[in-house]
C-alpha atoms as a PDB file:
ATOM      1  CA  UNK A   1       8.725  13.260  -1.654  1.00  0.00           C
ATOM      2  CA  UNK A   2      12.491  13.715  -1.783  1.00  0.00           C
ATOM      3  CA  UNK A   3      12.856  11.470  -4.831  1.00  0.00           C
ATOM      4  CA  UNK A   4      10.004  13.294  -6.567  1.00  0.00           C
ATOM      5  CA  UNK A   5      11.725  16.632  -5.827  1.00  0.00           C
ATOM      6  CA  UNK A   6      15.007  15.271  -7.159  1.00  0.00           C
ATOM      7  CA  UNK A   7      13.293  14.211 -10.387  1.00  0.00           C
ATOM      8  CA  UNK A   8      12.063  17.784 -10.837  1.00  0.00           C
ATOM      9  CA  UNK A   9      15.299  19.475  -9.736  1.00  0.00           C
ATOM     10  CA  UNK A  10      16.934  21.813 -12.257  1.00  0.00           C
ATOM     11  CA  UNK A  11      20.261  20.563 -10.856  1.00  0.00           C
ATOM     12  CA  UNK A  12      19.532  16.992 -12.023  1.00  0.00           C
ATOM     13  CA  UNK A  13      21.773  15.925 -14.883  1.00  0.00           C
ATOM     14  CA  UNK A  14      20.532  13.986 -17.864  1.00  0.00           C
ATOM     15  CA  UNK A  15      17.264  13.985 -19.719  1.00  0.00           C
ATOM     16  CA  UNK A  16      14.257  15.030 -17.598  1.00  0.00           C
ATOM     17  CA  UNK A  17      11.949  12.117 -16.791  1.00  0.00           C
ATOM     18  CA  UNK A  18       8.371  12.868 -17.654  1.00  0.00           C
ATOM     19  CA  UNK A  19       7.199   9.277 -17.337  1.00  0.00           C
ATOM     20  CA  UNK A  20       7.940   8.702 -13.656  1.00  0.00           C
ATOM     21  CA  UNK A  21       5.769   9.194 -10.599  1.00  0.00           C
ATOM     22  CA  UNK A  22       6.392   8.343  -6.966  1.00  0.00           C
ATOM     23  CA  UNK A  23       3.353   6.926  -5.191  1.00  0.00           C
ATOM     24  CA  UNK A  24       2.893   6.288  -1.495  1.00  0.00           C
ATOM     25  CA  UNK A  25       0.125   3.711  -1.210  1.00  0.00           C
ATOM     26  CA  UNK A  26      -1.365   2.475   2.053  1.00  0.00           C
ATOM     27  CA  UNK A  27      -4.171  -0.020   1.527  1.00  0.00           C
ATOM     28  CA  UNK A  28      -4.562  -0.818   5.208  1.00  0.00           C
ATOM     29  CA  UNK A  29      -4.427  -4.333   6.631  1.00  0.00           C
ATOM     30  CA  UNK A  30      -5.097  -6.696   3.753  1.00  0.00           C
ATOM     31  CA  UNK A  31      -6.660 -10.115   4.375  1.00  0.00           C
ATOM     32  CA  UNK A  32      -3.989 -12.450   3.036  1.00  0.00           C
ATOM     33  CA  UNK A  33      -3.002 -16.052   3.607  1.00  0.00           C
ATOM     34  CA  UNK A  34      -0.441 -14.686   6.080  1.00  0.00           C
ATOM     35  CA  UNK A  35      -3.315 -13.221   8.125  1.00  0.00           C
ATOM     36  CA  UNK A  36      -5.133 -16.573   8.101  1.00  0.00           C
ATOM     37  CA  UNK A  37      -1.952 -18.430   9.102  1.00  0.00           C
ATOM     38  CA  UNK A  38      -1.215 -15.937  11.871  1.00  0.00           C
ATOM     39  CA  UNK A  39      -4.724 -16.334  13.305  1.00  0.00           C
ATOM     40  CA  UNK A  40      -4.479 -20.128  13.229  1.00  0.00           C
ATOM     41  CA  UNK A  41      -1.126 -20.328  15.021  1.00  0.00           C
ATOM     42  CA  UNK A  42      -1.012 -21.127  18.733  1.00  0.00           C
ATOM     43  CA  UNK A  43      -0.064 -18.321  21.135  1.00  0.00           C
ATOM     44  CA  UNK A  44       2.795 -20.511  22.407  1.00  0.00           C
ATOM     45  CA  UNK A  45       4.282 -20.578  18.908  1.00  0.00           C
ATOM     46  CA  UNK A  46       3.325 -17.011  17.931  1.00  0.00           C
ATOM     47  CA  UNK A  47       2.839 -14.619  20.888  1.00  0.00           C
ATOM     48  CA  UNK A  48       1.324 -11.871  18.667  1.00  0.00           C
ATOM     49  CA  UNK A  49      -1.584 -14.031  17.479  1.00  0.00           C
ATOM     50  CA  UNK A  50      -4.041 -11.872  19.462  1.00  0.00           C
ATOM     51  CA  UNK A  51      -3.277  -8.801  17.349  1.00  0.00           C
ATOM     52  CA  UNK A  52      -4.249 -10.704  14.199  1.00  0.00           C
ATOM     53  CA  UNK A  53      -7.435 -11.985  15.833  1.00  0.00           C
ATOM     54  CA  UNK A  54      -8.285  -8.417  16.852  1.00  0.00           C
ATOM     55  CA  UNK A  55      -7.826  -7.128  13.284  1.00  0.00           C
ATOM     56  CA  UNK A  56     -10.275  -9.774  12.099  1.00  0.00           C
ATOM     57  CA  UNK A  57     -12.814  -9.314  14.908  1.00  0.00           C
ATOM     58  CA  UNK A  58     -12.780  -5.522  14.544  1.00  0.00           C
ATOM     59  CA  UNK A  59     -13.454  -5.763  10.800  1.00  0.00           C
ATOM     60  CA  UNK A  60     -10.215  -3.945   9.980  1.00  0.00           C
ATOM     61  CA  UNK A  61      -9.141  -6.299   7.196  1.00  0.00           C
ATOM     62  CA  UNK A  62      -9.417  -5.171   3.586  1.00  0.00           C
ATOM     63  CA  UNK A  63     -10.353  -7.711   0.920  1.00  0.00           C
ATOM     64  CA  UNK A  64      -7.349  -8.199  -1.406  1.00  0.00           C
ATOM     65  CA  UNK A  65      -9.497  -7.401  -4.448  1.00  0.00           C
ATOM     66  CA  UNK A  66      -9.847  -3.767  -3.305  1.00  0.00           C
ATOM     67  CA  UNK A  67      -6.157  -2.775  -3.284  1.00  0.00           C
ATOM     68  CA  UNK A  68      -5.576  -4.897  -6.411  1.00  0.00           C
ATOM     69  CA  UNK A  69      -8.269  -2.948  -8.277  1.00  0.00           C
ATOM     70  CA  UNK A  70      -6.958   0.337  -6.874  1.00  0.00           C
ATOM     71  CA  UNK A  71      -3.416  -0.449  -8.039  1.00  0.00           C
ATOM     72  CA  UNK A  72      -4.616  -1.461 -11.525  1.00  0.00           C
ATOM     73  CA  UNK A  73      -6.638   1.760 -11.802  1.00  0.00           C
ATOM     74  CA  UNK A  74      -3.607   3.771 -10.682  1.00  0.00           C
ATOM     75  CA  UNK A  75      -1.300   2.081 -13.203  1.00  0.00           C
ATOM     76  CA  UNK A  76      -3.795   2.554 -16.018  1.00  0.00           C
ATOM     77  CA  UNK A  77      -4.395   6.223 -15.191  1.00  0.00           C
ATOM     78  CA  UNK A  78      -2.488   8.964 -16.912  1.00  0.00           C
ATOM     79  CA  UNK A  79      -1.062  12.268 -15.861  1.00  0.00           C
ATOM     80  CA  UNK A  80      -0.246  11.544 -12.225  1.00  0.00           C
ATOM     81  CA  UNK A  81       1.569  14.280 -10.320  1.00  0.00           C
ATOM     82  CA  UNK A  82       5.216  13.630  -9.516  1.00  0.00           C
ATOM     83  CA  UNK A  83       4.271  12.620  -5.996  1.00  0.00           C
ATOM     84  CA  UNK A  84       0.873  11.458  -4.896  1.00  0.00           C
ATOM     85  CA  UNK A  85      -0.404   9.769  -1.800  1.00  0.00           C
ATOM     86  CA  UNK A  86      -3.403   7.462  -1.903  1.00  0.00           C
ATOM     87  CA  UNK A  87      -5.106   5.707   0.939  1.00  0.00           C
ATOM     88  CA  UNK A  88      -7.763   3.126   0.399  1.00  0.00           C
ATOM     89  CA  UNK A  89     -10.904   4.454   2.056  1.00  0.00           C
ATOM     90  CA  UNK A  90     -12.122   2.132   4.770  1.00  0.00           C
ATOM     91  CA  UNK A  91     -15.701   1.043   4.427  1.00  0.00           C
END
C-alpha cells in the first residue's frame, strides 16, 4: 500500500506512472511438487512433515491451475486500481 501511495504522491518526481499496479495475491496453500515431497519425507528427516499431511487431509490444498488462471486473468484485465488485494476463494 505504501508503494502504491508513493506512485500516486504529488511529491514524486518524474513522469507519473499510469501503467503500474501493486497487487497483493494470496492463493492459499497450493498443491505443488514441494508439497508432495514434503509429505513423502520421513519425520526423522523432516520434523514438520505432519503439517503437510494435515494440509492434504483437511482438503486445504489448492490445485495449481486455479491460481495460474487467476493470475492470467489479472494480467489480462485492464484498469486495475493502484493497489488491490485478491484472495482466491476456497471451495
